[in-house]
């Protein structure tokens, strides 16, 4: 292949699909790792991405596709199903930690000089009264939220890998991502759909650093040239409460936003009871306990380093919500 060629894992995910589109628009040739080519073509019917069918748990099977690749973007991870009842630790560690290192080793063996790794801002210890930066210690909450724990372990393994490797690895730590292309949907996308369908009788007193997925994708591409080896960059928007999101969606759609704010203890009790119900019935928990605990943390994060070193910018919160709603309408979700 001629020009710049990227290899993107998780190419049908919220971040991966948006990253592929942005890379193509900037003149890159893109190979996208997907579990199902049919699914990829359904959601990206006119895409110029060369889809590579494979499983992140079997890196050697797709490693030959690294030929001619300049940069690997690793966005694939096991996280969505983890919030449901059951023991997911072994599979989550195998995918999020072990496969990450196998991916780096295989990429380096093919002569790839740089990988952009998607970590999570959830690894950062946050504080109630001021914003947290990359210098903060690892999150104490990660001992409960095992997805965040796998990202901490992956970062630690990457640092060890860099001690003996010549490859450059740059780590991007996104906030709570939202945007068009959220086919799964993720928890953020499901929140939008639930509010628009008037399914929520109330909202919790939680929040997160809501981030447009397209801004994260742009940061990852910028990191190919401007990111420093072994550095971590928080890419997170400003802290938005559940009420902020609900009111803005109401203004965009005309749907009445939930007015009741559920006290923290009641929200946690409901989530705990639903967890028991989901475990006993095998049904999906609409209010996962770990998800509620994460939002109640109200992580307030600083992206100053990414703004300064990567040139990251953030589009208006309203634009993100509008574009998310429009995408769901165009795809028949609403």
Protein backbone atom coordinates (compact mmCIF):
# COMPACT_ATOMS: atom_id res chain seq x y z
CA UNK A 1 0.00 0.00 0.00
CA UNK A 2 1.08 3.55 -0.70
CA UNK A 3 0.99 6.46 1.77
CA UNK A 4 0.09 6.16 5.43
CA UNK A 5 -1.60 2.94 6.45
CA UNK A 6 -3.25 2.43 9.84
CA UNK A 7 -4.44 -0.73 11.54
CA UNK A 8 -7.42 -0.18 13.86
CA UNK A 9 -8.64 -2.81 16.31
CA UNK A 10 -12.28 -2.66 17.35
CA UNK A 11 -13.20 -1.02 14.05
CA UNK A 12 -16.97 -1.43 14.54
CA UNK A 13 -16.99 0.02 18.06
CA UNK A 14 -18.00 3.58 18.91
CA UNK A 15 -14.42 4.87 18.97
CA UNK A 16 -13.02 2.52 16.34
CA UNK A 17 -15.65 3.31 13.71
CA UNK A 18 -15.30 7.06 14.17
CA UNK A 19 -11.52 6.77 14.11
CA UNK A 20 -11.64 4.80 10.85
CA UNK A 21 -13.84 7.45 9.22
CA UNK A 22 -11.58 10.30 10.34
CA UNK A 23 -8.43 8.51 9.19
CA UNK A 24 -9.97 7.91 5.74
CA UNK A 25 -11.00 11.56 5.50
CA UNK A 26 -7.40 12.59 6.24
CA UNK A 27 -6.00 10.43 3.46
CA UNK A 28 -4.96 7.35 5.40
CA UNK A 29 -5.47 3.84 4.14
CA UNK A 30 -7.10 1.84 6.90
CA UNK A 31 -7.23 -1.81 7.86
CA UNK A 32 -9.91 -2.43 10.45
CA UNK A 33 -10.04 -5.51 12.66
CA UNK A 34 -13.63 -6.71 13.10
CA UNK A 35 -15.26 -9.86 14.43
CA UNK A 36 -17.86 -9.79 11.66
CA UNK A 37 -17.33 -8.28 8.22
CA UNK A 38 -21.09 -8.46 7.56
CA UNK A 39 -21.79 -6.36 10.66
CA UNK A 40 -19.07 -3.91 9.69
CA UNK A 41 -20.50 -3.46 6.19
CA UNK A 42 -24.02 -3.07 7.58
CA UNK A 43 -23.10 -0.05 9.70
CA UNK A 44 -20.43 1.26 7.32
CA UNK A 45 -21.86 0.28 3.91
CA UNK A 46 -19.78 2.66 1.80
CA UNK A 47 -16.64 2.54 3.87
CA UNK A 48 -13.22 2.49 2.22
CA UNK A 49 -11.83 0.57 5.21
CA UNK A 50 -10.27 -2.78 4.40
CA UNK A 51 -12.01 -4.94 6.98
CA UNK A 52 -9.93 -7.76 8.46
CA UNK A 53 -11.95 -10.46 10.18
CA UNK A 54 -10.34 -11.66 13.37
CA UNK A 55 -10.47 -11.98 17.12
CA UNK A 56 -8.30 -9.91 19.44
CA UNK A 57 -7.83 -13.06 21.52
CA UNK A 58 -5.98 -14.65 18.59
CA UNK A 59 -3.38 -12.07 17.56
CA UNK A 60 -1.18 -14.44 15.48
CA UNK A 61 -4.13 -15.17 13.17
CA UNK A 62 -4.41 -11.56 11.95
CA UNK A 63 -0.81 -10.41 12.50
CA UNK A 64 0.08 -10.88 8.78
CA UNK A 65 -2.26 -7.94 8.07
CA UNK A 66 0.29 -5.66 9.81
CA UNK A 67 2.29 -5.67 6.57
CA UNK A 68 2.86 -2.10 5.31
CA UNK A 69 1.18 -0.59 8.39
CA UNK A 70 2.68 2.57 9.84
CA UNK A 71 0.61 2.95 13.04
CA UNK A 72 -1.60 0.62 15.08
CA UNK A 73 -4.57 2.13 16.91
CA UNK A 74 -5.73 -0.25 19.63
CA UNK A 75 -9.34 0.55 20.60
CA UNK A 76 -10.73 -2.97 21.11
CA UNK A 77 -11.62 -3.90 24.68
CA UNK A 78 -14.02 -6.01 26.70
CA UNK A 79 -16.19 -3.70 28.76
CA UNK A 80 -19.87 -3.47 27.87
CA UNK A 81 -20.90 -6.98 28.87
CA UNK A 82 -18.83 -6.71 32.04
CA UNK A 83 -21.44 -4.48 33.68
CA UNK A 84 -23.91 -7.37 33.63
CA UNK A 85 -24.02 -10.11 36.29
CA UNK A 86 -21.54 -12.94 36.10
CA UNK A 87 -17.81 -13.49 36.45
CA UNK A 88 -16.02 -11.76 33.57
CA UNK A 89 -12.59 -11.19 35.11
CA UNK A 90 -10.63 -13.92 33.29
CA UNK A 91 -11.98 -12.99 29.87
CA UNK A 92 -11.59 -9.27 30.55
CA UNK A 93 -7.97 -9.64 31.64
CA UNK A 94 -7.20 -11.92 28.69
CA UNK A 95 -8.55 -9.36 26.21
CA UNK A 96 -7.68 -6.05 27.85
CA UNK A 97 -4.26 -6.93 29.26
CA UNK A 98 -2.74 -10.08 27.79
CA UNK A 99 -3.91 -9.51 24.21
CA UNK A 100 -2.70 -5.90 24.35
CA UNK A 101 0.88 -7.00 24.99
CA UNK A 102 0.62 -9.74 22.37
CA UNK A 103 -0.59 -7.11 19.92
CA UNK A 104 2.37 -4.83 20.68
CA UNK A 105 4.84 -7.69 20.32
CA UNK A 106 3.34 -8.79 16.99
CA UNK A 107 3.30 -5.21 15.68
CA UNK A 108 6.92 -4.63 16.63
CA UNK A 109 7.90 -7.91 14.98
CA UNK A 110 6.42 -6.52 11.75
CA UNK A 111 8.46 -3.32 12.07
CA UNK A 112 5.65 -1.01 13.19
CA UNK A 113 7.17 1.94 15.01
CA UNK A 114 4.19 3.38 16.90
CA UNK A 115 1.00 2.19 18.59
CA UNK A 116 -1.71 4.41 20.04
CA UNK A 117 -3.34 2.60 22.94
CA UNK A 118 -6.79 3.44 24.28
CA UNK A 119 -6.73 3.33 28.06
CA UNK A 120 -9.44 4.97 30.20
CA UNK A 121 -9.73 8.09 32.32
CA UNK A 122 -11.24 5.72 34.89
CA UNK A 123 -7.70 4.77 35.92
CA UNK A 124 -7.18 8.27 37.33
CA UNK A 125 -7.88 8.99 41.00
CA UNK A 126 -10.35 11.89 41.06
CA UNK A 127 -11.11 14.36 43.83
CA UNK A 128 -14.36 16.07 44.88
CA UNK A 129 -13.17 19.66 44.78
CA UNK A 130 -10.59 19.95 41.99
CA UNK A 131 -9.80 18.49 38.61
CA UNK A 132 -7.43 15.55 38.29
CA UNK A 133 -4.53 15.25 35.86
CA UNK A 134 -2.25 12.49 34.57
CA UNK A 135 -0.05 13.00 37.65
CA UNK A 136 -2.78 11.64 39.96
CA UNK A 137 -2.26 8.15 41.39
CA UNK A 138 -4.18 5.19 40.07
CA UNK A 139 -7.83 5.13 41.09
CA UNK A 140 -8.77 3.40 44.33
CA UNK A 141 -12.21 2.76 42.79
CA UNK A 142 -10.51 0.49 40.23
CA UNK A 143 -10.42 -2.23 42.87
CA UNK A 144 -14.22 -2.39 42.50
CA UNK A 145 -14.53 -1.52 38.83
CA UNK A 146 -12.57 -4.35 37.28
CA UNK A 147 -12.67 -2.84 33.79
CA UNK A 148 -10.68 0.11 35.10
CA UNK A 149 -8.42 -2.36 36.90
CA UNK A 150 -7.59 -4.09 33.61
CA UNK A 151 -6.66 -0.74 32.09
CA UNK A 152 -4.31 -0.05 34.99
CA UNK A 153 -2.72 -3.47 34.54
CA UNK A 154 -2.44 -2.88 30.78
CA UNK A 155 -0.69 0.46 31.34
CA UNK A 156 1.73 -1.17 33.78
CA UNK A 157 2.48 -3.96 31.29
CA UNK A 158 3.03 -1.38 28.56
CA UNK A 159 5.61 0.42 30.70
CA UNK A 160 7.41 -2.90 31.17
CA UNK A 161 7.20 -3.58 27.43
CA UNK A 162 8.77 -0.18 26.67
CA UNK A 163 11.79 -0.99 28.84
CA UNK A 164 13.04 -3.51 26.29
CA UNK A 165 11.20 -2.44 23.12
CA UNK A 166 12.08 0.08 20.43
CA UNK A 167 8.43 0.75 19.62
CA UNK A 168 6.73 4.00 20.64
CA UNK A 169 3.50 3.57 22.57
CA UNK A 170 1.29 6.56 23.39
CA UNK A 171 -1.69 6.17 25.74
CA UNK A 172 -4.96 8.06 25.33
CA UNK A 173 -7.33 8.19 28.33
CA UNK A 174 -10.82 9.16 27.11
CA UNK A 175 -13.64 10.49 29.25
CA UNK A 176 -17.19 9.09 28.99
CA UNK A 177 -17.58 8.91 25.23
CA UNK A 178 -20.72 9.76 23.31
CA UNK A 179 -21.43 10.44 19.65
CA UNK A 180 -22.77 9.13 16.35
CA UNK A 181 -22.04 5.56 15.38
CA UNK A 182 -22.86 4.08 18.79
CA UNK A 183 -24.43 0.94 17.38
CA UNK A 184 -23.99 -1.31 20.44
CA UNK A 185 -25.10 0.97 22.16
CA UNK A 186 -22.69 1.85 24.97
CA UNK A 187 -24.04 3.05 28.32
CA UNK A 188 -23.92 6.65 27.11
CA UNK A 189 -25.88 5.80 23.97
CA UNK A 190 -28.41 3.77 25.97
CA UNK A 191 -28.91 6.74 28.28
CA UNK A 192 -29.79 8.92 25.28
CA UNK A 193 -32.22 6.31 23.94
CA UNK A 194 -33.87 5.81 27.34
CA UNK A 195 -34.38 9.54 27.91
CA UNK A 196 -35.81 10.03 24.41
CA UNK A 197 -38.16 7.08 24.97
CA UNK A 198 -39.24 8.51 28.37
CA UNK A 199 -38.16 5.28 30.06
CA UNK A 200 -36.48 6.94 33.04
CA UNK A 201 -38.77 7.91 35.94
CA UNK A 202 -35.90 9.81 37.49
CA UNK A 203 -32.19 10.50 37.20
CA UNK A 204 -29.34 9.89 39.59
CA UNK A 205 -27.22 12.60 41.14
CA UNK A 206 -24.23 11.52 39.09
CA UNK A 207 -22.12 12.79 36.27
CA UNK A 208 -19.03 12.30 34.14
CA UNK A 209 -16.59 14.13 31.92
CA UNK A 210 -18.65 13.68 28.78
CA UNK A 211 -16.51 13.57 25.65
CA UNK A 212 -17.38 13.56 21.96
CA UNK A 213 -15.93 10.37 20.49
CA UNK A 214 -14.85 12.28 17.38
CA UNK A 215 -12.65 14.52 19.52
CA UNK A 216 -11.01 11.43 21.02
CA UNK A 217 -10.45 10.03 17.51
CA UNK A 218 -8.82 13.32 16.46
CA UNK A 219 -6.57 13.21 19.53
CA UNK A 220 -5.43 9.69 18.67
CA UNK A 221 -4.48 10.72 15.15
CA UNK A 222 -2.65 13.76 16.45
CA UNK A 223 -0.76 11.46 18.82
CA UNK A 224 0.79 9.67 15.84
CA UNK A 225 2.96 12.73 15.25
CA UNK A 226 2.82 14.78 18.43
CA UNK A 227 2.43 12.21 21.20
CA UNK A 228 5.49 11.41 23.28
CA UNK A 229 6.69 7.86 23.82
CA UNK A 230 5.28 6.35 27.01
CA UNK A 231 3.13 9.38 27.81
CA UNK A 232 -0.51 9.37 28.89
CA UNK A 233 -3.02 11.97 27.72
CA UNK A 234 -6.43 12.52 29.30
CA UNK A 235 -8.94 13.46 26.59
CA UNK A 236 -12.10 14.31 28.49
CA UNK A 237 -14.73 17.00 28.19
CA UNK A 238 -16.08 19.04 31.07
CA UNK A 239 -18.05 17.42 33.87
CA UNK A 240 -21.73 17.05 32.97
CA UNK A 241 -24.38 15.81 35.38
CA UNK A 242 -27.17 13.43 34.42
CA UNK A 243 -29.52 16.39 34.82
CA UNK A 244 -27.44 18.47 32.37
CA UNK A 245 -27.70 15.69 29.80
CA UNK A 246 -31.42 15.10 30.34
CA UNK A 247 -32.31 18.81 30.12
CA UNK A 248 -30.25 19.32 26.97
CA UNK A 249 -31.78 16.27 25.29
CA UNK A 250 -35.20 17.60 26.24
CA UNK A 251 -34.42 20.93 24.62
CA UNK A 252 -33.18 19.20 21.45
CA UNK A 253 -36.00 16.68 21.09
CA UNK A 254 -38.97 18.19 22.87
CA UNK A 255 -39.19 15.14 25.13
CA UNK A 256 -39.78 16.07 28.77
CA UNK A 257 -36.68 15.43 30.86
CA UNK A 258 -37.08 13.41 34.08
CA UNK A 259 -37.56 15.82 36.99
CA UNK A 260 -37.02 13.47 39.92
CA UNK A 261 -33.44 13.22 41.21
CA UNK A 262 -32.96 9.87 42.94
CA UNK A 263 -30.90 10.14 46.17
CA UNK A 264 -27.60 8.27 46.06
CA UNK A 265 -28.48 5.65 48.69
CA UNK A 266 -31.78 4.85 47.00
CA UNK A 267 -30.12 4.65 43.57
CA UNK A 268 -27.50 2.23 44.90
CA UNK A 269 -30.16 0.14 46.65
CA UNK A 270 -32.24 -0.11 43.47
CA UNK A 271 -29.15 -1.05 41.45
CA UNK A 272 -28.21 -3.70 44.02
CA UNK A 273 -31.70 -5.24 43.96
CA UNK A 274 -31.72 -5.22 40.15
CA UNK A 275 -28.33 -6.94 40.22
CA UNK A 276 -29.82 -9.77 42.28
CA UNK A 277 -32.84 -9.93 39.94
CA UNK A 278 -30.63 -10.05 36.84
CA UNK A 279 -28.45 -12.80 38.31
CA UNK A 280 -31.44 -14.97 39.17
CA UNK A 281 -33.30 -14.46 35.89
CA UNK A 282 -30.44 -14.16 33.42
CA UNK A 283 -31.91 -10.87 32.22
CA UNK A 284 -30.03 -7.65 31.46
CA UNK A 285 -29.73 -5.24 34.39
CA UNK A 286 -31.02 -1.84 33.16
CA UNK A 287 -29.24 -0.12 36.06
CA UNK A 288 -25.87 -1.86 36.61
CA UNK A 289 -24.48 -1.29 40.08
CA UNK A 290 -20.92 -0.60 38.90
CA UNK A 291 -22.20 1.84 36.29
CA UNK A 292 -24.14 3.76 38.95
CA UNK A 293 -21.14 3.77 41.30
CA UNK A 294 -18.95 5.11 38.49
CA UNK A 295 -21.33 7.97 37.70
CA UNK A 296 -21.71 8.87 41.37
CA UNK A 297 -17.93 9.41 41.47
CA UNK A 298 -18.47 12.50 39.26
CA UNK A 299 -14.96 12.29 37.84
CA UNK A 300 -13.72 15.80 37.04
CA UNK A 301 -10.71 15.65 34.75
CA UNK A 302 -8.23 18.03 33.15
CA UNK A 303 -7.25 17.67 29.50
CA UNK A 304 -4.71 20.50 29.68
CA UNK A 305 -1.79 18.27 28.71
CA UNK A 306 -3.58 16.91 25.63
CA UNK A 307 -4.67 20.42 24.64
CA UNK A 308 -1.11 21.72 24.92
CA UNK A 309 0.85 18.80 23.46
CA UNK A 310 -1.63 17.22 21.01
CA UNK A 311 -3.63 20.30 20.07
CA UNK A 312 -6.86 18.67 21.26
CA UNK A 313 -10.08 20.67 20.97
CA UNK A 314 -13.59 19.88 22.23
CA UNK A 315 -16.78 20.62 20.34
CA UNK A 316 -19.83 22.02 22.17
CA UNK A 317 -21.77 19.58 24.35
CA UNK A 318 -24.99 20.44 22.49
CA UNK A 319 -23.47 19.49 19.14
CA UNK A 320 -22.49 16.07 20.48
CA UNK A 321 -26.01 15.37 21.70
CA UNK A 322 -27.64 16.65 18.50
CA UNK A 323 -25.44 14.52 16.28
CA UNK A 324 -25.99 11.46 18.48
CA UNK A 325 -29.77 11.87 18.27
CA UNK A 326 -29.64 12.42 14.51
CA UNK A 327 -27.58 9.27 14.02
CA UNK A 328 -30.01 7.17 16.05
CA UNK A 329 -32.89 8.60 14.03
CA UNK A 330 -31.13 7.83 10.74
CA UNK A 331 -30.52 4.24 11.84
CA UNK A 332 -34.10 3.57 12.98
CA UNK A 333 -33.35 3.33 16.71
CA UNK A 334 -35.99 5.95 17.55
